[in-house]
Amino acid sequence: MKVTVECVMSEAAIAVFYPLYVAAFDPIRTRAAARHMLTAEEFEAEMADERIEKYVVWNDNGEPVALGTLATDLSALPWISPEYFAARYPDQFARGAVYYLGYTLVHPEHAKQGAFQLMMGAIERRCGEARAVCAWDVSAYNDDGSIGRHRKALLAAGGWIVDRVDVQTYYTASYDDRQHAGVAV
């Protein structure tokens, strides 16, 4: 296996990865309050955006089997607040070294073959060479599961200090008809 860094993904690679992306993120649709899955159009736009590096792991047959994205310009991601990171990491932000790790996914057939570690190793080297801050977000479902633990462990093993910097909490309020009908609850 080998890793390449692509600025713009080919249509053929997009056609391979979008169904895999959908399969990887489908379980989150009912487990996270925020929308985590890009539409096909949003995915294609990210794959064409040169501000977002695409880390692709290729198998020995030349087929793409894993994908990770790293935005080297926070303005590429409309849901990110560059001001937040500029206030917390002014030196790194001033030199353009605050990056955002988007999604990482591995074809299930290659999950136990080191594709994730290979991809994350390349991303870690990129961030280390730039002395960058690498930020990412993750749903509680994935953070508590293997992906969150695995990502944090890989980074910590490489000497990185991993800090939780923000938490978004979602609430609901349900109207209880029984309380308003004089029924004791």
N, C-alpha and C. Protein backbone atom coordinates (compact mmCIF):
# COMPACT_ATOMS: atom_id res chain seq x y z
N MET A 1 0.85 -1.18 0.00
CA MET A 1 0.00 0.00 0.00
C MET A 1 0.88 1.24 0.00
N LYS A 2 0.35 2.30 -0.57
CA LYS A 2 1.06 3.58 -0.56
C LYS A 2 0.05 4.71 -0.36
N VAL A 3 0.54 5.86 0.10
CA VAL A 3 -0.29 7.04 0.32
C VAL A 3 0.15 8.12 -0.65
N THR A 4 -0.84 8.78 -1.25
CA THR A 4 -0.57 9.97 -2.04
C THR A 4 -1.39 11.11 -1.48
N VAL A 5 -0.93 12.31 -1.73
CA VAL A 5 -1.68 13.50 -1.33
C VAL A 5 -2.16 14.15 -2.62
N GLU A 6 -3.46 14.26 -2.74
CA GLU A 6 -4.08 14.80 -3.94
C GLU A 6 -4.67 16.17 -3.64
N CYS A 7 -4.48 17.10 -4.56
CA CYS A 7 -5.12 18.42 -4.43
C CYS A 7 -6.54 18.36 -4.95
N VAL A 8 -6.71 17.71 -6.10
CA VAL A 8 -8.02 17.55 -6.72
C VAL A 8 -8.17 16.07 -7.07
N MET A 9 -9.26 15.49 -6.64
CA MET A 9 -9.52 14.07 -6.92
C MET A 9 -10.13 13.91 -8.30
N SER A 10 -9.79 12.83 -8.93
CA SER A 10 -10.37 12.51 -10.25
C SER A 10 -11.83 12.11 -10.08
N GLU A 11 -12.58 12.22 -11.16
CA GLU A 11 -13.98 11.80 -11.13
C GLU A 11 -14.08 10.31 -10.81
N ALA A 12 -13.13 9.52 -11.32
CA ALA A 12 -13.14 8.08 -11.06
C ALA A 12 -12.96 7.79 -9.57
N ALA A 13 -12.04 8.51 -8.93
CA ALA A 13 -11.82 8.31 -7.49
C ALA A 13 -13.03 8.77 -6.68
N ILE A 14 -13.64 9.87 -7.09
CA ILE A 14 -14.85 10.35 -6.41
C ILE A 14 -15.94 9.30 -6.52
N ALA A 15 -16.07 8.70 -7.69
CA ALA A 15 -17.09 7.66 -7.90
C ALA A 15 -16.85 6.45 -7.01
N VAL A 16 -15.59 6.15 -6.71
CA VAL A 16 -15.26 5.04 -5.82
C VAL A 16 -15.54 5.43 -4.37
N PHE A 17 -15.13 6.63 -3.98
CA PHE A 17 -15.18 7.01 -2.58
C PHE A 17 -16.54 7.48 -2.07
N TYR A 18 -17.37 8.10 -2.89
CA TYR A 18 -18.62 8.61 -2.33
C TYR A 18 -19.51 7.49 -1.77
N PRO A 19 -19.70 6.38 -2.48
CA PRO A 19 -20.50 5.31 -1.87
C PRO A 19 -19.87 4.76 -0.58
N LEU A 20 -18.56 4.68 -0.54
CA LEU A 20 -17.88 4.24 0.68
C LEU A 20 -18.08 5.25 1.80
N TYR A 21 -17.98 6.53 1.45
CA TYR A 21 -18.22 7.61 2.41
C TYR A 21 -19.63 7.51 2.99
N VAL A 22 -20.63 7.32 2.11
CA VAL A 22 -22.02 7.20 2.55
C VAL A 22 -22.16 6.00 3.49
N ALA A 23 -21.59 4.87 3.12
CA ALA A 23 -21.68 3.69 3.98
C ALA A 23 -21.02 3.92 5.33
N ALA A 24 -19.89 4.62 5.33
CA ALA A 24 -19.18 4.88 6.59
C ALA A 24 -19.94 5.82 7.50
N PHE A 25 -20.61 6.81 6.93
CA PHE A 25 -21.27 7.83 7.75
C PHE A 25 -22.76 7.58 7.95
N ASP A 26 -23.32 6.58 7.30
CA ASP A 26 -24.74 6.30 7.43
C ASP A 26 -25.17 6.02 8.88
N PRO A 27 -24.41 5.24 9.65
CA PRO A 27 -24.84 4.97 11.03
C PRO A 27 -24.96 6.23 11.89
N ILE A 28 -24.24 7.26 11.55
CA ILE A 28 -24.27 8.48 12.37
C ILE A 28 -25.57 9.26 12.17
N ARG A 29 -26.25 9.03 11.07
CA ARG A 29 -27.50 9.76 10.80
C ARG A 29 -28.48 9.68 11.96
N THR A 30 -28.53 8.55 12.65
CA THR A 30 -29.46 8.39 13.77
C THR A 30 -28.77 8.44 15.12
N ARG A 31 -27.46 8.71 15.13
CA ARG A 31 -26.71 8.70 16.39
C ARG A 31 -26.10 10.06 16.74
N ALA A 32 -26.18 11.02 15.84
CA ALA A 32 -25.64 12.35 16.10
C ALA A 32 -26.67 13.40 15.71
N ALA A 33 -26.81 14.42 16.53
CA ALA A 33 -27.81 15.46 16.27
C ALA A 33 -27.43 16.33 15.08
N ALA A 34 -26.15 16.56 14.88
CA ALA A 34 -25.71 17.37 13.75
C ALA A 34 -25.59 16.49 12.51
N ARG A 35 -25.76 17.09 11.38
CA ARG A 35 -25.60 16.37 10.11
C ARG A 35 -24.11 16.17 9.86
N HIS A 36 -23.70 14.94 9.73
CA HIS A 36 -22.29 14.63 9.50
C HIS A 36 -22.02 14.18 8.08
N MET A 37 -23.05 13.93 7.30
CA MET A 37 -22.84 13.40 5.96
C MET A 37 -23.03 14.49 4.91
N LEU A 38 -22.03 14.63 4.07
CA LEU A 38 -22.11 15.58 2.97
C LEU A 38 -22.99 15.02 1.86
N THR A 39 -23.68 15.90 1.16
CA THR A 39 -24.40 15.47 -0.03
C THR A 39 -23.37 15.13 -1.10
N ALA A 40 -23.80 14.48 -2.16
CA ALA A 40 -22.89 14.15 -3.25
C ALA A 40 -22.26 15.42 -3.81
N GLU A 41 -23.03 16.50 -3.92
CA GLU A 41 -22.51 17.76 -4.45
C GLU A 41 -21.48 18.37 -3.51
N GLU A 42 -21.74 18.34 -2.20
CA GLU A 42 -20.79 18.87 -1.22
C GLU A 42 -19.50 18.04 -1.22
N PHE A 43 -19.63 16.73 -1.32
CA PHE A 43 -18.47 15.84 -1.36
C PHE A 43 -17.62 16.14 -2.59
N GLU A 44 -18.27 16.26 -3.75
CA GLU A 44 -17.55 16.57 -4.99
C GLU A 44 -16.85 17.92 -4.89
N ALA A 45 -17.51 18.91 -4.27
CA ALA A 45 -16.90 20.23 -4.12
C ALA A 45 -15.64 20.14 -3.25
N GLU A 46 -15.69 19.38 -2.16
CA GLU A 46 -14.50 19.21 -1.32
C GLU A 46 -13.39 18.50 -2.08
N MET A 47 -13.76 17.52 -2.88
CA MET A 47 -12.76 16.77 -3.64
C MET A 47 -12.09 17.65 -4.71
N ALA A 48 -12.76 18.74 -5.11
CA ALA A 48 -12.20 19.65 -6.11
C ALA A 48 -11.52 20.87 -5.49
N ASP A 49 -11.66 21.05 -4.19
CA ASP A 49 -11.12 22.22 -3.50
C ASP A 49 -9.65 22.01 -3.17
N GLU A 50 -8.78 22.81 -3.77
CA GLU A 50 -7.34 22.66 -3.57
C GLU A 50 -6.88 23.04 -2.16
N ARG A 51 -7.73 23.72 -1.40
CA ARG A 51 -7.37 24.07 -0.01
C ARG A 51 -7.52 22.88 0.93
N ILE A 52 -8.10 21.81 0.41
CA ILE A 52 -8.32 20.60 1.20
C ILE A 52 -7.46 19.49 0.59
N GLU A 53 -6.47 19.05 1.35
CA GLU A 53 -5.61 17.96 0.89
C GLU A 53 -6.35 16.64 1.09
N LYS A 54 -6.23 15.76 0.10
CA LYS A 54 -6.85 14.44 0.18
C LYS A 54 -5.75 13.40 0.29
N TYR A 55 -5.75 12.67 1.39
CA TYR A 55 -4.77 11.62 1.64
C TYR A 55 -5.41 10.30 1.21
N VAL A 56 -4.88 9.72 0.15
CA VAL A 56 -5.46 8.52 -0.42
C VAL A 56 -4.49 7.36 -0.23
N VAL A 57 -5.01 6.27 0.30
CA VAL A 57 -4.23 5.04 0.41
C VAL A 57 -4.66 4.14 -0.75
N TRP A 58 -3.67 3.66 -1.46
CA TRP A 58 -3.88 2.80 -2.63
C TRP A 58 -3.39 1.40 -2.30
N ASN A 59 -4.16 0.40 -2.72
CA ASN A 59 -3.70 -0.98 -2.50
C ASN A 59 -2.68 -1.35 -3.58
N ASP A 60 -2.19 -2.56 -3.51
CA ASP A 60 -1.15 -3.00 -4.44
C ASP A 60 -1.65 -3.12 -5.88
N ASN A 61 -2.97 -3.13 -6.08
CA ASN A 61 -3.55 -3.17 -7.43
C ASN A 61 -3.83 -1.77 -7.97
N GLY A 62 -3.44 -0.72 -7.21
CA GLY A 62 -3.68 0.64 -7.65
C GLY A 62 -5.08 1.16 -7.41
N GLU A 63 -5.82 0.49 -6.53
CA GLU A 63 -7.19 0.91 -6.22
C GLU A 63 -7.19 1.72 -4.93
N PRO A 64 -7.97 2.82 -4.88
CA PRO A 64 -8.04 3.60 -3.64
C PRO A 64 -8.85 2.86 -2.58
N VAL A 65 -8.29 2.77 -1.36
CA VAL A 65 -8.96 2.00 -0.30
C VAL A 65 -9.19 2.81 0.98
N ALA A 66 -8.58 3.99 1.08
CA ALA A 66 -8.77 4.82 2.27
C ALA A 66 -8.64 6.28 1.87
N LEU A 67 -9.35 7.14 2.59
CA LEU A 67 -9.36 8.56 2.29
C LEU A 67 -9.43 9.37 3.57
N GLY A 68 -8.61 10.41 3.64
CA GLY A 68 -8.68 11.37 4.73
C GLY A 68 -8.53 12.76 4.15
N THR A 69 -9.20 13.73 4.74
CA THR A 69 -9.09 15.11 4.25
C THR A 69 -8.48 16.00 5.33
N LEU A 70 -7.66 16.96 4.87
CA LEU A 70 -7.02 17.92 5.77
C LEU A 70 -7.12 19.30 5.13
N ALA A 71 -7.94 20.15 5.73
CA ALA A 71 -8.08 21.53 5.23
C ALA A 71 -6.92 22.35 5.78
N THR A 72 -6.12 22.90 4.87
CA THR A 72 -4.99 23.73 5.28
C THR A 72 -5.36 25.20 5.28
N ASP A 73 -6.60 25.49 4.93
CA ASP A 73 -7.16 26.84 4.98
C ASP A 73 -8.55 26.68 5.59
N LEU A 74 -8.72 27.19 6.80
CA LEU A 74 -9.98 26.99 7.50
C LEU A 74 -11.18 27.58 6.78
N SER A 75 -10.95 28.56 5.91
CA SER A 75 -12.08 29.15 5.18
C SER A 75 -12.68 28.17 4.17
N ALA A 76 -12.03 27.05 3.93
CA ALA A 76 -12.57 26.03 3.03
C ALA A 76 -13.76 25.31 3.66
N LEU A 77 -13.91 25.41 4.97
CA LEU A 77 -14.97 24.70 5.69
C LEU A 77 -15.94 25.71 6.29
N PRO A 78 -17.11 25.88 5.69
CA PRO A 78 -18.02 26.94 6.12
C PRO A 78 -18.55 26.80 7.55
N TRP A 79 -18.47 25.62 8.15
CA TRP A 79 -18.98 25.44 9.51
C TRP A 79 -17.91 25.67 10.58
N ILE A 80 -16.69 25.99 10.16
CA ILE A 80 -15.60 26.24 11.09
C ILE A 80 -15.46 27.74 11.33
N SER A 81 -15.16 28.12 12.55
CA SER A 81 -14.94 29.52 12.89
C SER A 81 -13.44 29.80 12.93
N PRO A 82 -12.88 30.39 11.86
CA PRO A 82 -11.44 30.72 11.89
C PRO A 82 -11.09 31.63 13.06
N GLU A 83 -12.00 32.51 13.46
CA GLU A 83 -11.74 33.43 14.57
C GLU A 83 -11.49 32.69 15.88
N TYR A 84 -12.21 31.59 16.08
CA TYR A 84 -12.03 30.78 17.27
C TYR A 84 -10.58 30.29 17.37
N PHE A 85 -10.08 29.76 16.27
CA PHE A 85 -8.73 29.21 16.26
C PHE A 85 -7.67 30.32 16.27
N ALA A 86 -7.97 31.43 15.62
CA ALA A 86 -7.03 32.56 15.63
C ALA A 86 -6.83 33.09 17.05
N ALA A 87 -7.91 33.12 17.83
CA ALA A 87 -7.84 33.62 19.21
C ALA A 87 -7.07 32.66 20.12
N ARG A 88 -7.14 31.37 19.86
CA ARG A 88 -6.50 30.38 20.72
C ARG A 88 -5.09 30.00 20.30
N TYR A 89 -4.82 30.10 19.01
CA TYR A 89 -3.51 29.72 18.47
C TYR A 89 -2.99 30.82 17.56
N PRO A 90 -2.76 32.02 18.12
CA PRO A 90 -2.42 33.17 17.27
C PRO A 90 -1.13 33.00 16.47
N ASP A 91 -0.11 32.38 17.06
CA ASP A 91 1.15 32.22 16.33
C ASP A 91 0.99 31.27 15.15
N GLN A 92 0.38 30.11 15.40
CA GLN A 92 0.17 29.15 14.33
C GLN A 92 -0.78 29.71 13.27
N PHE A 93 -1.81 30.39 13.71
CA PHE A 93 -2.79 30.94 12.77
C PHE A 93 -2.12 31.98 11.87
N ALA A 94 -1.28 32.83 12.46
CA ALA A 94 -0.60 33.88 11.69
C ALA A 94 0.28 33.31 10.58
N ARG A 95 0.84 32.14 10.81
CA ARG A 95 1.69 31.56 9.78
C ARG A 95 0.97 30.48 8.96
N GLY A 96 -0.37 30.44 9.07
CA GLY A 96 -1.15 29.52 8.25
C GLY A 96 -0.97 28.07 8.64
N ALA A 97 -0.77 27.80 9.91
CA ALA A 97 -0.51 26.45 10.38
C ALA A 97 -1.56 25.95 11.35
N VAL A 98 -2.81 26.29 11.10
CA VAL A 98 -3.93 25.68 11.81
C VAL A 98 -4.71 24.92 10.75
N TYR A 99 -4.74 23.60 10.89
CA TYR A 99 -5.37 22.73 9.90
C TYR A 99 -6.59 22.06 10.52
N TYR A 100 -7.46 21.57 9.66
CA TYR A 100 -8.66 20.89 10.14
C TYR A 100 -8.77 19.53 9.48
N LEU A 101 -8.73 18.50 10.30
CA LEU A 101 -8.88 17.14 9.82
C LEU A 101 -10.36 16.88 9.60
N GLY A 102 -10.72 16.63 8.36
CA GLY A 102 -12.13 16.38 8.04
C GLY A 102 -12.51 14.96 8.38
N TYR A 103 -12.74 14.17 7.40
CA TYR A 103 -13.15 12.80 7.65
C TYR A 103 -12.04 11.84 7.25
N THR A 104 -12.08 10.69 7.87
CA THR A 104 -11.19 9.60 7.53
C THR A 104 -12.06 8.37 7.35
N LEU A 105 -11.79 7.63 6.30
CA LEU A 105 -12.55 6.40 6.10
C LEU A 105 -11.68 5.38 5.40
N VAL A 106 -11.97 4.13 5.69
CA VAL A 106 -11.22 3.01 5.13
C VAL A 106 -12.23 1.98 4.64
N HIS A 107 -11.99 1.45 3.45
CA HIS A 107 -12.83 0.39 2.93
C HIS A 107 -12.79 -0.77 3.92
N PRO A 108 -13.95 -1.34 4.27
CA PRO A 108 -13.98 -2.40 5.30
C PRO A 108 -13.03 -3.57 5.03
N GLU A 109 -12.81 -3.89 3.77
CA GLU A 109 -11.92 -5.01 3.45
C GLU A 109 -10.46 -4.71 3.79
N HIS A 110 -10.15 -3.42 4.01
CA HIS A 110 -8.76 -3.04 4.29
C HIS A 110 -8.59 -2.48 5.70
N ALA A 111 -9.63 -2.60 6.51
CA ALA A 111 -9.61 -2.02 7.85
C ALA A 111 -8.53 -2.62 8.73
N LYS A 112 -8.23 -3.88 8.57
CA LYS A 112 -7.24 -4.55 9.42
C LYS A 112 -5.88 -4.66 8.74
N GLN A 113 -5.67 -3.92 7.66
CA GLN A 113 -4.43 -4.05 6.91
C GLN A 113 -3.50 -2.85 7.06
N GLY A 114 -3.81 -1.94 8.00
CA GLY A 114 -2.92 -0.82 8.26
C GLY A 114 -3.16 0.42 7.43
N ALA A 115 -4.25 0.45 6.65
CA ALA A 115 -4.53 1.62 5.80
C ALA A 115 -4.76 2.87 6.63
N PHE A 116 -5.51 2.73 7.72
CA PHE A 116 -5.79 3.90 8.57
C PHE A 116 -4.50 4.44 9.18
N GLN A 117 -3.66 3.57 9.70
CA GLN A 117 -2.41 3.99 10.31
C GLN A 117 -1.50 4.65 9.28
N LEU A 118 -1.46 4.11 8.08
CA LEU A 118 -0.64 4.67 7.01
C LEU A 118 -1.11 6.09 6.66
N MET A 119 -2.41 6.25 6.53
CA MET A 119 -2.99 7.55 6.20
C MET A 119 -2.76 8.55 7.33
N MET A 120 -3.04 8.14 8.56
CA MET A 120 -2.87 9.05 9.68
C MET A 120 -1.39 9.39 9.89
N GLY A 121 -0.50 8.47 9.61
CA GLY A 121 0.92 8.75 9.71
C GLY A 121 1.33 9.86 8.75
N ALA A 122 0.80 9.83 7.53
CA ALA A 122 1.11 10.87 6.55
C ALA A 122 0.55 12.22 6.98
N ILE A 123 -0.65 12.21 7.52
CA ILE A 123 -1.27 13.46 8.00
C ILE A 123 -0.49 14.00 9.19
N GLU A 124 -0.11 13.12 10.09
CA GLU A 124 0.67 13.53 11.27
C GLU A 124 2.01 14.14 10.85
N ARG A 125 2.68 13.52 9.87
CA ARG A 125 3.95 14.07 9.39
C ARG A 125 3.75 15.45 8.79
N ARG A 126 2.70 15.62 8.02
CA ARG A 126 2.40 16.91 7.39
C ARG A 126 2.22 17.98 8.47
N CYS A 127 1.45 17.66 9.48
CA CYS A 127 1.20 18.62 10.56
C CYS A 127 2.47 18.88 11.37
N GLY A 128 3.24 17.85 11.62
CA GLY A 128 4.48 18.00 12.38
C GLY A 128 5.50 18.85 11.65
N GLU A 129 5.65 18.63 10.35
CA GLU A 129 6.60 19.43 9.56
C GLU A 129 6.23 20.91 9.57
N ALA A 130 4.94 21.21 9.63
CA ALA A 130 4.48 22.60 9.64
C ALA A 130 4.38 23.15 11.07
N ARG A 131 4.66 22.29 12.07
CA ARG A 131 4.46 22.68 13.47
C ARG A 131 3.05 23.26 13.63
N ALA A 132 2.11 22.53 13.10
CA ALA A 132 0.72 22.99 13.02
C ALA A 132 -0.12 22.52 14.18
N VAL A 133 -1.23 23.18 14.35
CA VAL A 133 -2.31 22.71 15.20
C VAL A 133 -3.27 21.98 14.27
N CYS A 134 -3.63 20.78 14.64
CA CYS A 134 -4.57 19.99 13.84
C CYS A 134 -5.84 19.83 14.66
N ALA A 135 -6.92 20.40 14.19
CA ALA A 135 -8.20 20.33 14.89
C ALA A 135 -9.11 19.35 14.15
N TRP A 136 -10.09 18.82 14.85
CA TRP A 136 -11.12 17.98 14.23
C TRP A 136 -12.32 17.94 15.15
N ASP A 137 -13.42 17.49 14.61
CA ASP A 137 -14.61 17.29 15.44
C ASP A 137 -15.06 15.84 15.26
N VAL A 138 -15.79 15.37 16.24
CA VAL A 138 -16.26 13.99 16.21
C VAL A 138 -17.52 13.93 17.06
N SER A 139 -18.49 13.16 16.62
CA SER A 139 -19.71 12.98 17.41
C SER A 139 -19.38 12.16 18.65
N ALA A 140 -20.22 12.28 19.67
CA ALA A 140 -20.00 11.50 20.89
C ALA A 140 -20.00 10.01 20.57
N TYR A 141 -20.85 9.60 19.65
CA TYR A 141 -20.93 8.19 19.25
C TYR A 141 -19.57 7.70 18.75
N ASN A 142 -18.93 8.46 17.87
CA ASN A 142 -17.63 8.05 17.34
C ASN A 142 -16.49 8.31 18.31
N ASP A 143 -16.61 9.36 19.13
CA ASP A 143 -15.55 9.66 20.08
C ASP A 143 -15.45 8.56 21.14
N ASP A 144 -16.61 8.07 21.57
CA ASP A 144 -16.63 7.00 22.56
C ASP A 144 -16.28 5.66 21.94
N GLY A 145 -16.46 5.55 20.64
CA GLY A 145 -16.19 4.30 19.94
C GLY A 145 -14.75 4.19 19.51
N SER A 146 -14.51 3.24 18.67
CA SER A 146 -13.13 2.92 18.30
C SER A 146 -12.44 4.04 17.54
N ILE A 147 -13.15 4.78 16.71
CA ILE A 147 -12.48 5.80 15.89
C ILE A 147 -11.88 6.89 16.75
N GLY A 148 -12.61 7.37 17.72
CA GLY A 148 -12.09 8.43 18.59
C GLY A 148 -10.90 7.97 19.40
N ARG A 149 -11.03 6.80 20.00
CA ARG A 149 -9.93 6.26 20.81
C ARG A 149 -8.71 5.98 19.93
N HIS A 150 -8.94 5.44 18.75
CA HIS A 150 -7.85 5.07 17.85
C HIS A 150 -7.10 6.31 17.38
N ARG A 151 -7.83 7.35 16.98
CA ARG A 151 -7.21 8.58 16.48
C ARG A 151 -6.40 9.24 17.58
N LYS A 152 -6.97 9.36 18.78
CA LYS A 152 -6.26 9.98 19.89
C LYS A 152 -5.01 9.18 20.27
N ALA A 153 -5.13 7.86 20.27
CA ALA A 153 -3.99 7.01 20.63
C ALA A 153 -2.86 7.16 19.61
N LEU A 154 -3.21 7.19 18.33
CA LEU A 154 -2.18 7.36 17.30
C LEU A 154 -1.43 8.67 17.47
N LEU A 155 -2.19 9.74 17.70
CA LEU A 155 -1.55 11.05 17.84
C LEU A 155 -0.72 11.11 19.11
N ALA A 156 -1.25 10.61 20.21
CA ALA A 156 -0.51 10.63 21.47
C ALA A 156 0.78 9.82 21.35
N ALA A 157 0.72 8.70 20.64
CA ALA A 157 1.92 7.88 20.46
C ALA A 157 2.99 8.63 19.67
N GLY A 158 2.56 9.57 18.83
CA GLY A 158 3.51 10.36 18.05
C GLY A 158 4.02 11.58 18.78
N GLY A 159 3.65 11.72 20.05
CA GLY A 159 4.13 12.85 20.84
C GLY A 159 3.22 14.06 20.83
N TRP A 160 2.06 13.95 20.20
CA TRP A 160 1.13 15.07 20.15
C TRP A 160 0.35 15.16 21.46
N ILE A 161 0.00 16.35 21.87
CA ILE A 161 -0.86 16.57 23.03
C ILE A 161 -2.26 16.80 22.48
N VAL A 162 -3.20 15.96 22.88
CA VAL A 162 -4.56 16.02 22.39
C VAL A 162 -5.44 16.63 23.46
N ASP A 163 -6.08 17.76 23.15
CA ASP A 163 -6.96 18.45 24.09
C ASP A 163 -8.36 18.59 23.49
N ARG A 164 -9.37 18.40 24.33
CA ARG A 164 -10.75 18.72 23.92
C ARG A 164 -10.91 20.23 24.12
N VAL A 165 -11.29 20.95 23.05
CA VAL A 165 -11.35 22.40 23.14
C VAL A 165 -12.77 22.96 23.17
N ASP A 166 -13.75 22.17 22.77
CA ASP A 166 -15.12 22.66 22.76
C ASP A 166 -16.06 21.46 22.73
N VAL A 167 -17.27 21.66 23.20
CA VAL A 167 -18.29 20.63 23.16
C VAL A 167 -19.60 21.30 22.76
N GLN A 168 -20.27 20.71 21.82
CA GLN A 168 -21.59 21.18 21.41
C GLN A 168 -22.59 20.21 22.01
N THR A 169 -23.51 20.71 22.82
CA THR A 169 -24.51 19.86 23.45
C THR A 169 -25.87 20.18 22.85
N TYR A 170 -26.59 19.16 22.48
CA TYR A 170 -27.92 19.33 21.90
C TYR A 170 -28.96 18.91 22.93
N TYR A 171 -30.04 19.70 23.01
CA TYR A 171 -31.13 19.41 23.93
C TYR A 171 -32.44 19.32 23.16
N THR A 172 -33.42 18.68 23.77
CA THR A 172 -34.79 18.72 23.28
C THR A 172 -35.69 19.03 24.46
N ALA A 173 -36.81 19.62 24.17
CA ALA A 173 -37.86 19.83 25.16
C ALA A 173 -39.14 19.31 24.54
N SER A 174 -39.77 18.36 25.21
CA SER A 174 -41.00 17.76 24.70
C SER A 174 -42.16 18.25 25.53
N TYR A 175 -43.19 18.67 24.87
CA TYR A 175 -44.39 19.13 25.55
C TYR A 175 -45.11 17.93 26.11
N ASP A 176 -45.43 17.96 27.39
CA ASP A 176 -46.09 16.84 28.04
C ASP A 176 -47.56 17.19 28.25
N ASP A 177 -48.42 16.65 27.40
CA ASP A 177 -49.86 16.92 27.49
C ASP A 177 -50.45 16.48 28.82
N ARG A 178 -49.86 15.45 29.43
CA ARG A 178 -50.40 14.95 30.69
C ARG A 178 -50.31 15.99 31.80
N GLN A 179 -49.24 16.76 31.85
CA GLN A 179 -49.09 17.78 32.89
C GLN A 179 -50.15 18.86 32.73
N HIS A 180 -50.49 19.17 31.52
CA HIS A 180 -51.44 20.25 31.27
C HIS A 180 -52.88 19.77 31.30
N ALA A 181 -53.10 18.48 31.41
CA ALA A 181 -54.44 17.94 31.50
C ALA A 181 -54.80 17.60 32.94
N GLY A 182 -53.95 17.98 33.88
CA GLY A 182 -54.21 17.72 35.29
C GLY A 182 -53.90 16.29 35.71
N VAL A 183 -53.15 15.58 34.92
CA VAL A 183 -52.79 14.20 35.26
C VAL A 183 -51.44 14.23 35.98
N ALA A 184 -51.37 13.56 37.10
CA ALA A 184 -50.10 13.50 37.83
C ALA A 184 -49.12 12.62 37.06
N VAL A 185 -47.93 13.14 36.94
CA VAL A 185 -46.88 12.37 36.24
C VAL A 185 -45.73 12.06 37.15
